[in-house]
Structure formats: C-alpha cells, structure tokens
C-alpha cells in the first residue's frame, strides 16, 4: 500500500470527535482525491504532514520542541518521506528524530486530531497522534530544534499556541 493509499484509509475510517474535526477530515480526503502527490512536500498549495505529542510515562507532562525555524514551542512532527509506509510511521519517525527518544509508543486508535495551518512552505494538513515515552528515556535536541522541554499539562497554554493546547486536550481525552 502506498502512503497516499494509507492516508486515504486512515482518514476514511477515522471517527472525528466533533463537527469541526469532521469538516477537516473531509477536506483532507478531498485534497487527497484532487492531488495524487498530496502527501509530499512538493505538493502546493498544501500537503499532509504528521506529528505526535510526546507524553511522559507517568502521564503528567508533555515534551515540546522549540522549533528552530518557527521559534515556537510545538509537538514533534513534519513532512512525509518516501520510505514512510503510513501516516502513523511518519508521526513516529518524526517524534523519535526530533526528541531523540527511542521506543516511543503511539497511542492505539489512530490519529488524535487534525490541524490545518499555514507554514512558510505551504499549508500543512497535519494528522496528529500522541505517543508515550518509555520509562527512563532521555531526550536529545535535534538540528531542527533550539531546545526541548517537558511541560506539565497546565503549563502548555502559557508557552504554546492554541493548536498545541487543543492537541493536549484531545490527547488527555484519549488517555
């Protein structure tokens, strides 16, 4: 199965938690129908990306990255690559690369939520997952980040934008 086909299957079967998420789910599927290259960075004006909010094993904090280019505290995530077999694989790879944590485990049940946002390269149609870090894991800053930091749930709204706060809220509902 191609990544494009996986994206259609994943989004086609994902139970959106509310009307706004359902509207985005349908827009993502329309994008994939219109663009055979809709998962790749070269697709303009938009392309799918995948990300994961990393939760500590005690489920009390999340790990955010200070994105080097955007200068914002965000979850780990990014573009699809040719070797990626699924959107879940994209999210897991990006989370591991950007956090330096091996053995992250995506929460079962597929994506947690969807978020569409403008970036310098194009609109990102982000498929967002949540992952739990293994006990004793140590994070390591990647070249895409200026810093990594664990934040208690109630601190996230003070440092991150509303999209990260919504992702945290939805992750907590799934946990």
N, C-alpha and C. Protein backbone atom coordinates (compact mmCIF):
# COMPACT_ATOMS: atom_id res chain seq x y z
N UNK A 1 0.84 -1.18 0.00
CA UNK A 1 0.00 0.00 0.00
C UNK A 1 0.89 1.24 0.00
N UNK A 2 0.55 2.21 -0.81
CA UNK A 2 1.31 3.45 -0.86
C UNK A 2 0.95 4.33 0.34
N UNK A 3 1.79 5.32 0.59
CA UNK A 3 1.50 6.27 1.67
C UNK A 3 0.20 7.03 1.38
N UNK A 4 0.00 7.40 0.13
CA UNK A 4 -1.22 8.08 -0.27
C UNK A 4 -2.44 7.20 0.05
N UNK A 5 -2.38 5.92 -0.30
CA UNK A 5 -3.49 5.00 -0.03
C UNK A 5 -3.69 4.82 1.47
N UNK A 6 -2.59 4.74 2.22
CA UNK A 6 -2.71 4.63 3.68
C UNK A 6 -3.40 5.87 4.25
N UNK A 7 -3.02 7.04 3.75
CA UNK A 7 -3.63 8.28 4.24
C UNK A 7 -5.14 8.27 3.97
N UNK A 8 -5.54 7.84 2.79
CA UNK A 8 -6.97 7.77 2.46
C UNK A 8 -7.68 6.78 3.38
N UNK A 9 -7.06 5.63 3.63
CA UNK A 9 -7.66 4.63 4.51
C UNK A 9 -7.74 5.13 5.94
N UNK A 10 -6.65 5.71 6.42
CA UNK A 10 -6.60 6.22 7.80
C UNK A 10 -7.66 7.29 8.01
N UNK A 11 -7.70 8.25 7.12
CA UNK A 11 -8.66 9.35 7.27
C UNK A 11 -10.09 8.90 6.96
N UNK A 12 -10.21 7.95 6.04
CA UNK A 12 -11.54 7.46 5.69
C UNK A 12 -12.23 6.72 6.83
N UNK A 13 -11.45 6.09 7.69
CA UNK A 13 -12.03 5.31 8.79
C UNK A 13 -11.92 6.00 10.15
N UNK A 14 -11.31 7.18 10.19
CA UNK A 14 -11.10 7.86 11.47
C UNK A 14 -12.40 8.48 11.97
N UNK A 15 -12.80 8.15 13.20
CA UNK A 15 -14.03 8.74 13.76
C UNK A 15 -13.74 10.12 14.35
N UNK A 16 -14.05 11.15 13.61
CA UNK A 16 -13.82 12.52 14.07
C UNK A 16 -14.60 12.77 15.35
N UNK A 17 -13.96 13.41 16.34
CA UNK A 17 -14.63 13.61 17.64
C UNK A 17 -15.68 14.72 17.66
N UNK A 18 -15.71 15.58 16.64
CA UNK A 18 -16.69 16.67 16.62
C UNK A 18 -16.87 17.17 15.19
N UNK A 19 -17.80 18.10 15.00
CA UNK A 19 -18.14 18.60 13.66
C UNK A 19 -16.97 19.31 12.99
N UNK A 20 -16.19 20.08 13.74
CA UNK A 20 -15.04 20.78 13.17
C UNK A 20 -13.99 19.80 12.66
N UNK A 21 -13.74 18.76 13.43
CA UNK A 21 -12.78 17.74 13.01
C UNK A 21 -13.30 16.94 11.82
N UNK A 22 -14.60 16.71 11.77
CA UNK A 22 -15.20 16.01 10.63
C UNK A 22 -15.04 16.84 9.36
N UNK A 23 -15.23 18.15 9.48
CA UNK A 23 -15.05 19.04 8.33
C UNK A 23 -13.60 18.98 7.82
N UNK A 24 -12.65 18.99 8.74
CA UNK A 24 -11.24 18.87 8.33
C UNK A 24 -10.96 17.50 7.71
N UNK A 25 -11.50 16.44 8.31
CA UNK A 25 -11.29 15.09 7.77
C UNK A 25 -11.75 15.02 6.32
N UNK A 26 -12.92 15.56 6.06
CA UNK A 26 -13.45 15.55 4.69
C UNK A 26 -12.61 16.43 3.76
N UNK A 27 -12.12 17.56 4.25
CA UNK A 27 -11.25 18.43 3.44
C UNK A 27 -9.94 17.71 3.12
N UNK A 28 -9.38 16.99 4.07
CA UNK A 28 -8.14 16.23 3.81
C UNK A 28 -8.40 15.17 2.74
N UNK A 29 -9.52 14.47 2.85
CA UNK A 29 -9.85 13.44 1.85
C UNK A 29 -10.06 14.07 0.47
N UNK A 30 -10.71 15.24 0.42
CA UNK A 30 -10.87 15.95 -0.86
C UNK A 30 -9.50 16.32 -1.43
N UNK A 31 -8.60 16.77 -0.57
CA UNK A 31 -7.24 17.11 -1.01
C UNK A 31 -6.56 15.89 -1.62
N UNK A 32 -6.66 14.76 -0.95
CA UNK A 32 -6.03 13.54 -1.46
C UNK A 32 -6.66 13.09 -2.78
N UNK A 33 -7.96 13.29 -2.93
CA UNK A 33 -8.62 12.95 -4.20
C UNK A 33 -8.17 13.85 -5.33
N UNK A 34 -7.94 15.11 -5.02
CA UNK A 34 -7.53 16.08 -6.04
C UNK A 34 -6.05 16.01 -6.39
N UNK A 35 -5.23 15.57 -5.44
CA UNK A 35 -3.77 15.60 -5.63
C UNK A 35 -3.16 14.22 -5.37
N UNK A 36 -2.78 13.50 -6.42
CA UNK A 36 -2.11 12.21 -6.23
C UNK A 36 -0.79 12.35 -5.46
N UNK A 37 -0.21 13.56 -5.46
CA UNK A 37 1.03 13.82 -4.72
C UNK A 37 0.75 14.57 -3.41
N UNK A 38 -0.47 14.49 -2.91
CA UNK A 38 -0.91 15.28 -1.77
C UNK A 38 -0.24 15.00 -0.44
N UNK A 39 0.55 13.94 -0.36
CA UNK A 39 1.28 13.66 0.88
C UNK A 39 2.71 14.20 0.84
N UNK A 40 3.13 14.71 -0.31
CA UNK A 40 4.54 15.11 -0.46
C UNK A 40 4.73 16.61 -0.33
N UNK A 41 5.86 16.98 0.18
CA UNK A 41 6.25 18.38 0.41
C UNK A 41 6.13 19.21 -0.87
N UNK A 42 6.38 18.62 -2.02
CA UNK A 42 6.35 19.34 -3.29
C UNK A 42 4.93 19.74 -3.70
N UNK A 43 3.93 19.16 -3.09
CA UNK A 43 2.54 19.46 -3.46
C UNK A 43 2.15 20.83 -2.89
N UNK A 44 1.80 21.71 -3.80
CA UNK A 44 1.35 23.04 -3.38
C UNK A 44 -0.09 23.20 -3.87
N UNK A 45 -0.91 23.86 -3.19
CA UNK A 45 -0.62 24.77 -2.08
C UNK A 45 -0.63 24.12 -0.71
N UNK A 46 -0.85 22.79 -0.63
CA UNK A 46 -0.92 22.12 0.67
C UNK A 46 -0.43 20.69 0.55
N UNK A 47 -0.03 20.12 1.69
CA UNK A 47 0.33 18.70 1.73
C UNK A 47 0.14 18.17 3.14
N UNK A 48 -0.05 16.84 3.23
CA UNK A 48 -0.22 16.22 4.53
C UNK A 48 1.12 16.17 5.25
N UNK A 49 1.05 16.33 6.56
CA UNK A 49 2.18 16.12 7.46
C UNK A 49 1.65 15.27 8.61
N UNK A 50 2.54 14.82 9.47
CA UNK A 50 2.11 14.05 10.65
C UNK A 50 2.97 14.47 11.83
N UNK A 51 2.34 14.45 13.00
CA UNK A 51 3.05 14.85 14.21
C UNK A 51 2.59 14.00 15.37
N UNK A 52 3.33 14.12 16.49
CA UNK A 52 2.97 13.38 17.70
C UNK A 52 3.31 14.21 18.92
N UNK A 53 2.37 14.28 19.83
CA UNK A 53 2.60 14.89 21.13
C UNK A 53 3.16 13.81 22.04
N UNK A 54 4.37 14.02 22.55
CA UNK A 54 5.04 13.02 23.39
C UNK A 54 4.66 13.26 24.85
N UNK A 55 4.12 12.21 25.47
CA UNK A 55 3.68 12.23 26.86
C UNK A 55 4.66 11.41 27.69
N UNK A 56 4.96 11.87 28.91
CA UNK A 56 5.88 11.11 29.76
C UNK A 56 5.19 9.84 30.26
N UNK A 57 5.97 8.83 30.72
CA UNK A 57 5.37 7.56 31.13
C UNK A 57 4.39 7.68 32.30
N UNK A 58 4.59 8.69 33.15
CA UNK A 58 3.68 8.90 34.28
C UNK A 58 2.42 9.63 33.87
N UNK A 59 2.40 10.11 32.63
CA UNK A 59 1.26 10.83 32.06
C UNK A 59 0.94 12.10 32.85
N UNK A 60 2.01 12.86 33.11
CA UNK A 60 1.87 14.13 33.84
C UNK A 60 2.42 15.32 33.05
N UNK A 61 3.25 15.03 32.03
CA UNK A 61 3.90 16.10 31.28
C UNK A 61 3.97 15.74 29.80
N UNK A 62 4.22 16.77 28.99
CA UNK A 62 4.45 16.55 27.56
C UNK A 62 5.78 17.20 27.18
N UNK A 63 6.41 16.63 26.18
CA UNK A 63 7.68 17.15 25.67
C UNK A 63 7.40 18.02 24.45
N UNK A 64 7.84 19.27 24.51
CA UNK A 64 7.69 20.17 23.38
C UNK A 64 9.06 20.57 22.87
N UNK A 65 9.09 20.91 21.59
CA UNK A 65 10.32 21.36 20.95
C UNK A 65 10.19 22.84 20.58
N UNK A 66 11.25 23.57 20.81
CA UNK A 66 11.31 24.95 20.35
C UNK A 66 11.81 24.89 18.92
N UNK A 67 10.89 24.99 17.97
CA UNK A 67 11.19 24.79 16.56
C UNK A 67 12.19 25.85 16.07
N UNK A 68 13.25 25.38 15.43
CA UNK A 68 14.33 26.28 15.00
C UNK A 68 13.85 27.37 14.04
N UNK A 69 13.05 27.01 13.05
CA UNK A 69 12.61 27.99 12.05
C UNK A 69 11.44 28.83 12.52
N UNK A 70 10.48 28.20 13.16
CA UNK A 70 9.26 28.91 13.55
C UNK A 70 9.37 29.63 14.88
N UNK A 71 10.37 29.24 15.69
CA UNK A 71 10.57 29.86 17.01
C UNK A 71 9.32 29.76 17.88
N UNK A 72 8.70 28.58 17.84
CA UNK A 72 7.51 28.31 18.63
C UNK A 72 7.67 26.96 19.32
N UNK A 73 7.06 26.82 20.51
CA UNK A 73 7.01 25.53 21.20
C UNK A 73 5.90 24.70 20.56
N UNK A 74 6.28 23.55 20.02
CA UNK A 74 5.36 22.69 19.27
C UNK A 74 5.57 21.22 19.64
N UNK A 75 4.64 20.39 19.20
CA UNK A 75 4.83 18.95 19.26
C UNK A 75 5.82 18.56 18.16
N UNK A 76 6.34 17.34 18.21
CA UNK A 76 7.26 16.87 17.18
C UNK A 76 6.46 16.52 15.92
N UNK A 77 7.02 16.80 14.76
CA UNK A 77 6.31 16.43 13.54
C UNK A 77 6.97 16.98 12.30
N UNK A 78 6.45 16.55 11.17
CA UNK A 78 7.00 17.06 9.93
C UNK A 78 6.49 16.36 8.70
N UNK A 79 7.29 16.48 7.65
CA UNK A 79 6.92 16.01 6.32
C UNK A 79 7.03 14.50 6.14
N UNK A 80 6.23 14.00 5.22
CA UNK A 80 6.30 12.60 4.81
C UNK A 80 7.54 12.39 3.96
N UNK A 81 8.14 11.23 4.09
CA UNK A 81 9.34 10.85 3.33
C UNK A 81 9.03 9.60 2.51
N UNK A 82 9.74 9.39 1.40
CA UNK A 82 9.45 8.23 0.54
C UNK A 82 9.50 6.87 1.25
N UNK A 83 10.31 6.73 2.28
CA UNK A 83 10.41 5.44 2.99
C UNK A 83 9.26 5.20 3.98
N UNK A 84 8.44 6.22 4.24
CA UNK A 84 7.35 6.08 5.19
C UNK A 84 6.22 5.24 4.60
N UNK A 85 5.77 4.25 5.35
CA UNK A 85 4.70 3.36 4.88
C UNK A 85 3.32 3.82 5.29
N UNK A 86 3.24 4.68 6.32
CA UNK A 86 1.94 5.09 6.83
C UNK A 86 2.06 6.45 7.51
N UNK A 87 0.92 7.10 7.73
CA UNK A 87 0.94 8.36 8.48
C UNK A 87 1.40 8.12 9.90
N UNK A 88 1.02 7.00 10.50
CA UNK A 88 1.49 6.67 11.84
C UNK A 88 3.01 6.53 11.85
N UNK A 89 3.57 5.95 10.80
CA UNK A 89 5.03 5.80 10.71
C UNK A 89 5.71 7.17 10.59
N UNK A 90 5.08 8.10 9.86
CA UNK A 90 5.62 9.45 9.74
C UNK A 90 5.66 10.10 11.13
N UNK A 91 4.55 10.02 11.84
CA UNK A 91 4.47 10.63 13.18
C UNK A 91 5.50 10.01 14.12
N UNK A 92 5.61 8.69 14.10
CA UNK A 92 6.56 8.00 14.98
C UNK A 92 8.00 8.36 14.63
N UNK A 93 8.32 8.39 13.34
CA UNK A 93 9.68 8.73 12.90
C UNK A 93 10.02 10.16 13.30
N UNK A 94 9.14 11.09 13.00
CA UNK A 94 9.39 12.49 13.31
C UNK A 94 9.55 12.70 14.82
N UNK A 95 8.70 12.05 15.61
CA UNK A 95 8.78 12.19 17.07
C UNK A 95 10.10 11.65 17.59
N UNK A 96 10.54 10.52 17.07
CA UNK A 96 11.81 9.94 17.50
C UNK A 96 12.99 10.80 17.06
N UNK A 97 12.97 11.26 15.81
CA UNK A 97 14.06 12.09 15.31
C UNK A 97 14.19 13.40 16.08
N UNK A 98 13.06 14.06 16.33
CA UNK A 98 13.11 15.39 16.94
C UNK A 98 13.25 15.35 18.45
N UNK A 99 12.88 14.24 19.09
CA UNK A 99 13.00 14.14 20.55
C UNK A 99 14.27 13.40 20.97
N UNK A 100 14.79 12.57 20.06
CA UNK A 100 15.92 11.73 20.42
C UNK A 100 15.53 10.55 21.29
N UNK A 101 14.25 10.32 21.47
CA UNK A 101 13.77 9.24 22.33
C UNK A 101 13.46 8.01 21.48
N UNK A 102 14.11 6.91 21.84
CA UNK A 102 13.82 5.64 21.17
C UNK A 102 12.74 4.90 21.94
N UNK A 103 11.94 4.13 21.22
CA UNK A 103 10.92 3.32 21.86
C UNK A 103 9.63 4.04 22.17
N UNK A 104 9.38 5.17 21.51
CA UNK A 104 8.09 5.85 21.69
C UNK A 104 6.98 4.92 21.20
N UNK A 105 5.85 4.96 21.88
CA UNK A 105 4.72 4.12 21.51
C UNK A 105 3.52 5.00 21.22
N UNK A 106 3.07 4.99 19.96
CA UNK A 106 1.86 5.75 19.60
C UNK A 106 0.66 5.17 20.33
N UNK A 107 -0.22 6.04 20.79
CA UNK A 107 -1.46 5.56 21.40
C UNK A 107 -2.27 4.81 20.34
N UNK A 108 -2.91 3.72 20.73
CA UNK A 108 -3.72 2.97 19.77
C UNK A 108 -4.95 3.78 19.34
N UNK A 109 -5.50 3.40 18.22
CA UNK A 109 -6.73 4.04 17.76
C UNK A 109 -6.52 5.07 16.67
N UNK A 110 -5.28 5.26 16.24
CA UNK A 110 -5.03 6.18 15.14
C UNK A 110 -4.83 7.61 15.59
N UNK A 111 -5.09 8.55 14.68
CA UNK A 111 -4.85 9.96 15.00
C UNK A 111 -5.69 10.42 16.18
N UNK A 112 -5.19 11.46 16.85
CA UNK A 112 -5.89 12.08 17.96
C UNK A 112 -6.75 13.23 17.44
N UNK A 113 -6.17 14.00 16.50
CA UNK A 113 -6.92 15.13 15.92
C UNK A 113 -6.23 15.57 14.63
N UNK A 114 -6.84 16.52 13.95
CA UNK A 114 -6.31 17.11 12.72
C UNK A 114 -6.14 18.60 12.94
N UNK A 115 -5.13 19.18 12.28
CA UNK A 115 -4.92 20.62 12.38
C UNK A 115 -4.36 21.12 11.06
N UNK A 116 -5.03 22.13 10.50
CA UNK A 116 -4.59 22.75 9.24
C UNK A 116 -3.99 24.11 9.59
N UNK A 117 -2.74 24.33 9.17
CA UNK A 117 -2.08 25.59 9.49
C UNK A 117 -1.12 25.99 8.37
N UNK A 118 -0.93 27.28 8.24
CA UNK A 118 -0.04 27.83 7.23
C UNK A 118 1.40 27.84 7.75
N UNK A 119 2.34 27.45 6.89
CA UNK A 119 3.76 27.49 7.21
C UNK A 119 4.48 28.20 6.06
N UNK A 120 5.75 28.52 6.22
CA UNK A 120 6.47 29.18 5.12
C UNK A 120 6.49 28.37 3.82
N UNK A 121 6.40 27.03 3.90
CA UNK A 121 6.48 26.23 2.67
C UNK A 121 5.13 26.01 2.00
N UNK A 122 4.04 25.92 2.79
CA UNK A 122 2.70 25.65 2.24
C UNK A 122 1.75 25.45 3.41
N UNK A 123 0.48 25.22 3.09
CA UNK A 123 -0.45 24.81 4.14
C UNK A 123 -0.11 23.38 4.54
N UNK A 124 -0.05 23.14 5.83
CA UNK A 124 0.15 21.78 6.35
C UNK A 124 -1.19 21.23 6.80
N UNK A 125 -1.53 20.08 6.28
CA UNK A 125 -2.71 19.34 6.70
C UNK A 125 -2.20 18.28 7.66
N UNK A 126 -2.06 18.66 8.92
CA UNK A 126 -1.37 17.83 9.91
C UNK A 126 -2.30 16.78 10.51
N UNK A 127 -1.83 15.55 10.50
CA UNK A 127 -2.52 14.43 11.13
C UNK A 127 -1.76 14.18 12.43
N UNK A 128 -2.43 14.42 13.54
CA UNK A 128 -1.76 14.46 14.84
C UNK A 128 -2.04 13.21 15.67
N UNK A 129 -0.97 12.64 16.18
CA UNK A 129 -1.01 11.46 17.04
C UNK A 129 -0.50 11.84 18.42
N UNK A 130 -0.55 10.91 19.34
CA UNK A 130 0.06 11.07 20.65
C UNK A 130 0.92 9.83 20.89
N UNK A 131 2.03 10.03 21.58
CA UNK A 131 2.96 8.93 21.86
C UNK A 131 3.39 8.99 23.32
N UNK A 132 3.60 7.82 23.89
CA UNK A 132 4.08 7.73 25.27
C UNK A 132 5.56 7.34 25.23
N UNK A 133 6.37 8.07 26.00
CA UNK A 133 7.79 7.78 26.10
C UNK A 133 8.01 6.61 27.06
N UNK A 134 9.00 5.79 26.79
CA UNK A 134 9.30 4.70 27.74
C UNK A 134 9.94 5.24 29.02
N UNK A 135 9.81 4.49 30.09
CA UNK A 135 10.44 4.89 31.35
C UNK A 135 11.95 4.99 31.18
N UNK A 136 12.52 6.01 31.76
CA UNK A 136 13.97 6.19 31.74
C UNK A 136 14.52 6.76 30.44
N UNK A 137 13.65 7.11 29.52
CA UNK A 137 14.11 7.64 28.23
C UNK A 137 14.69 9.04 28.43
N UNK A 138 15.76 9.31 27.70
CA UNK A 138 16.35 10.64 27.72
C UNK A 138 16.17 11.31 26.38
N UNK A 139 15.78 12.57 26.41
CA UNK A 139 15.59 13.32 25.17
C UNK A 139 16.91 13.93 24.72
N UNK A 140 16.98 14.23 23.42
CA UNK A 140 18.17 14.84 22.83
C UNK A 140 17.71 15.82 21.76
N UNK A 141 18.22 17.03 21.82
CA UNK A 141 17.85 18.08 20.87
C UNK A 141 18.37 17.72 19.48
N UNK A 142 17.51 17.86 18.48
CA UNK A 142 17.90 17.60 17.09
C UNK A 142 18.29 18.92 16.43
N UNK A 143 18.79 18.82 15.20
CA UNK A 143 19.17 20.04 14.48
C UNK A 143 17.96 20.88 14.07
N UNK A 144 16.75 20.32 14.15
CA UNK A 144 15.54 21.07 13.83
C UNK A 144 15.02 21.88 15.02
N UNK A 145 15.63 21.68 16.18
CA UNK A 145 15.14 22.31 17.40
C UNK A 145 16.20 23.20 18.03
N UNK A 146 15.73 24.21 18.73
CA UNK A 146 16.62 25.02 19.56
C UNK A 146 16.68 24.46 20.97
N UNK A 147 15.60 23.80 21.40
CA UNK A 147 15.53 23.24 22.75
C UNK A 147 14.40 22.25 22.83
N UNK A 148 14.47 21.40 23.84
CA UNK A 148 13.38 20.50 24.20
C UNK A 148 13.08 20.75 25.68
N UNK A 149 11.80 20.63 26.05
CA UNK A 149 11.48 20.80 27.46
C UNK A 149 10.19 20.07 27.78
N UNK A 150 10.19 19.43 28.96
CA UNK A 150 8.99 18.80 29.48
C UNK A 150 8.14 19.86 30.17
N UNK A 151 6.86 19.89 29.85
CA UNK A 151 5.93 20.83 30.46
C UNK A 151 4.79 20.06 31.13
N UNK A 152 4.45 20.49 32.36
CA UNK A 152 3.25 19.98 32.99
C UNK A 152 2.06 20.40 32.14
N UNK A 153 1.00 19.63 32.18
CA UNK A 153 -0.17 19.92 31.34
C UNK A 153 -0.65 21.36 31.50
N UNK A 154 -0.67 21.84 32.75
CA UNK A 154 -1.20 23.19 32.98
C UNK A 154 -0.25 24.30 32.55
N UNK A 155 0.98 23.97 32.15
CA UNK A 155 1.94 24.97 31.67
C UNK A 155 1.90 25.16 30.16
N UNK A 156 1.32 24.20 29.45
CA UNK A 156 1.37 24.21 27.98
C UNK A 156 0.74 25.47 27.41
N UNK A 157 -0.39 25.88 27.92
CA UNK A 157 -1.07 27.07 27.42
C UNK A 157 -0.28 28.36 27.59
N UNK A 158 0.67 28.35 28.51
CA UNK A 158 1.50 29.54 28.76
C UNK A 158 2.62 29.69 27.72
N UNK A 159 3.03 28.59 27.09
CA UNK A 159 4.17 28.65 26.18
C UNK A 159 3.83 28.33 24.73
N UNK A 160 2.76 27.58 24.52
CA UNK A 160 2.42 27.10 23.17
C UNK A 160 1.14 27.77 22.68
N UNK A 161 0.92 27.69 21.38
CA UNK A 161 -0.28 28.30 20.80
C UNK A 161 -1.50 27.40 20.99
N UNK A 162 -2.63 27.88 20.53
CA UNK A 162 -3.90 27.19 20.73
C UNK A 162 -3.94 25.82 20.08
N UNK A 163 -3.23 25.63 18.96
CA UNK A 163 -3.26 24.32 18.30
C UNK A 163 -2.63 23.25 19.18
N UNK A 164 -1.56 23.59 19.88
CA UNK A 164 -0.91 22.63 20.77
C UNK A 164 -1.80 22.38 21.98
N UNK A 165 -2.44 23.40 22.48
CA UNK A 165 -3.36 23.25 23.60
C UNK A 165 -4.52 22.34 23.23
N UNK A 166 -5.07 22.52 22.03
CA UNK A 166 -6.16 21.64 21.58
C UNK A 166 -5.68 20.20 21.42
N UNK A 167 -4.46 20.02 20.93
CA UNK A 167 -3.90 18.67 20.80
C UNK A 167 -3.74 18.04 22.18
N UNK A 168 -3.26 18.80 23.14
CA UNK A 168 -3.13 18.27 24.50
C UNK A 168 -4.48 17.90 25.07
N UNK A 169 -5.48 18.76 24.91
CA UNK A 169 -6.82 18.46 25.42
C UNK A 169 -7.37 17.19 24.83
N UNK A 170 -7.20 17.02 23.53
CA UNK A 170 -7.71 15.81 22.87
C UNK A 170 -6.92 14.58 23.30
N UNK A 171 -5.60 14.75 23.48
CA UNK A 171 -4.77 13.62 23.95
C UNK A 171 -5.22 13.19 25.33
N UNK A 172 -5.47 14.13 26.22
CA UNK A 172 -5.93 13.79 27.57
C UNK A 172 -7.26 13.06 27.52
N UNK A 173 -8.13 13.45 26.62
CA UNK A 173 -9.42 12.76 26.47
C UNK A 173 -9.22 11.32 26.02
N UNK A 174 -8.24 11.10 25.15
CA UNK A 174 -7.96 9.74 24.66
C UNK A 174 -7.27 8.90 25.72
N UNK A 175 -6.38 9.54 26.49
CA UNK A 175 -5.68 8.81 27.56
C UNK A 175 -6.68 8.32 28.60
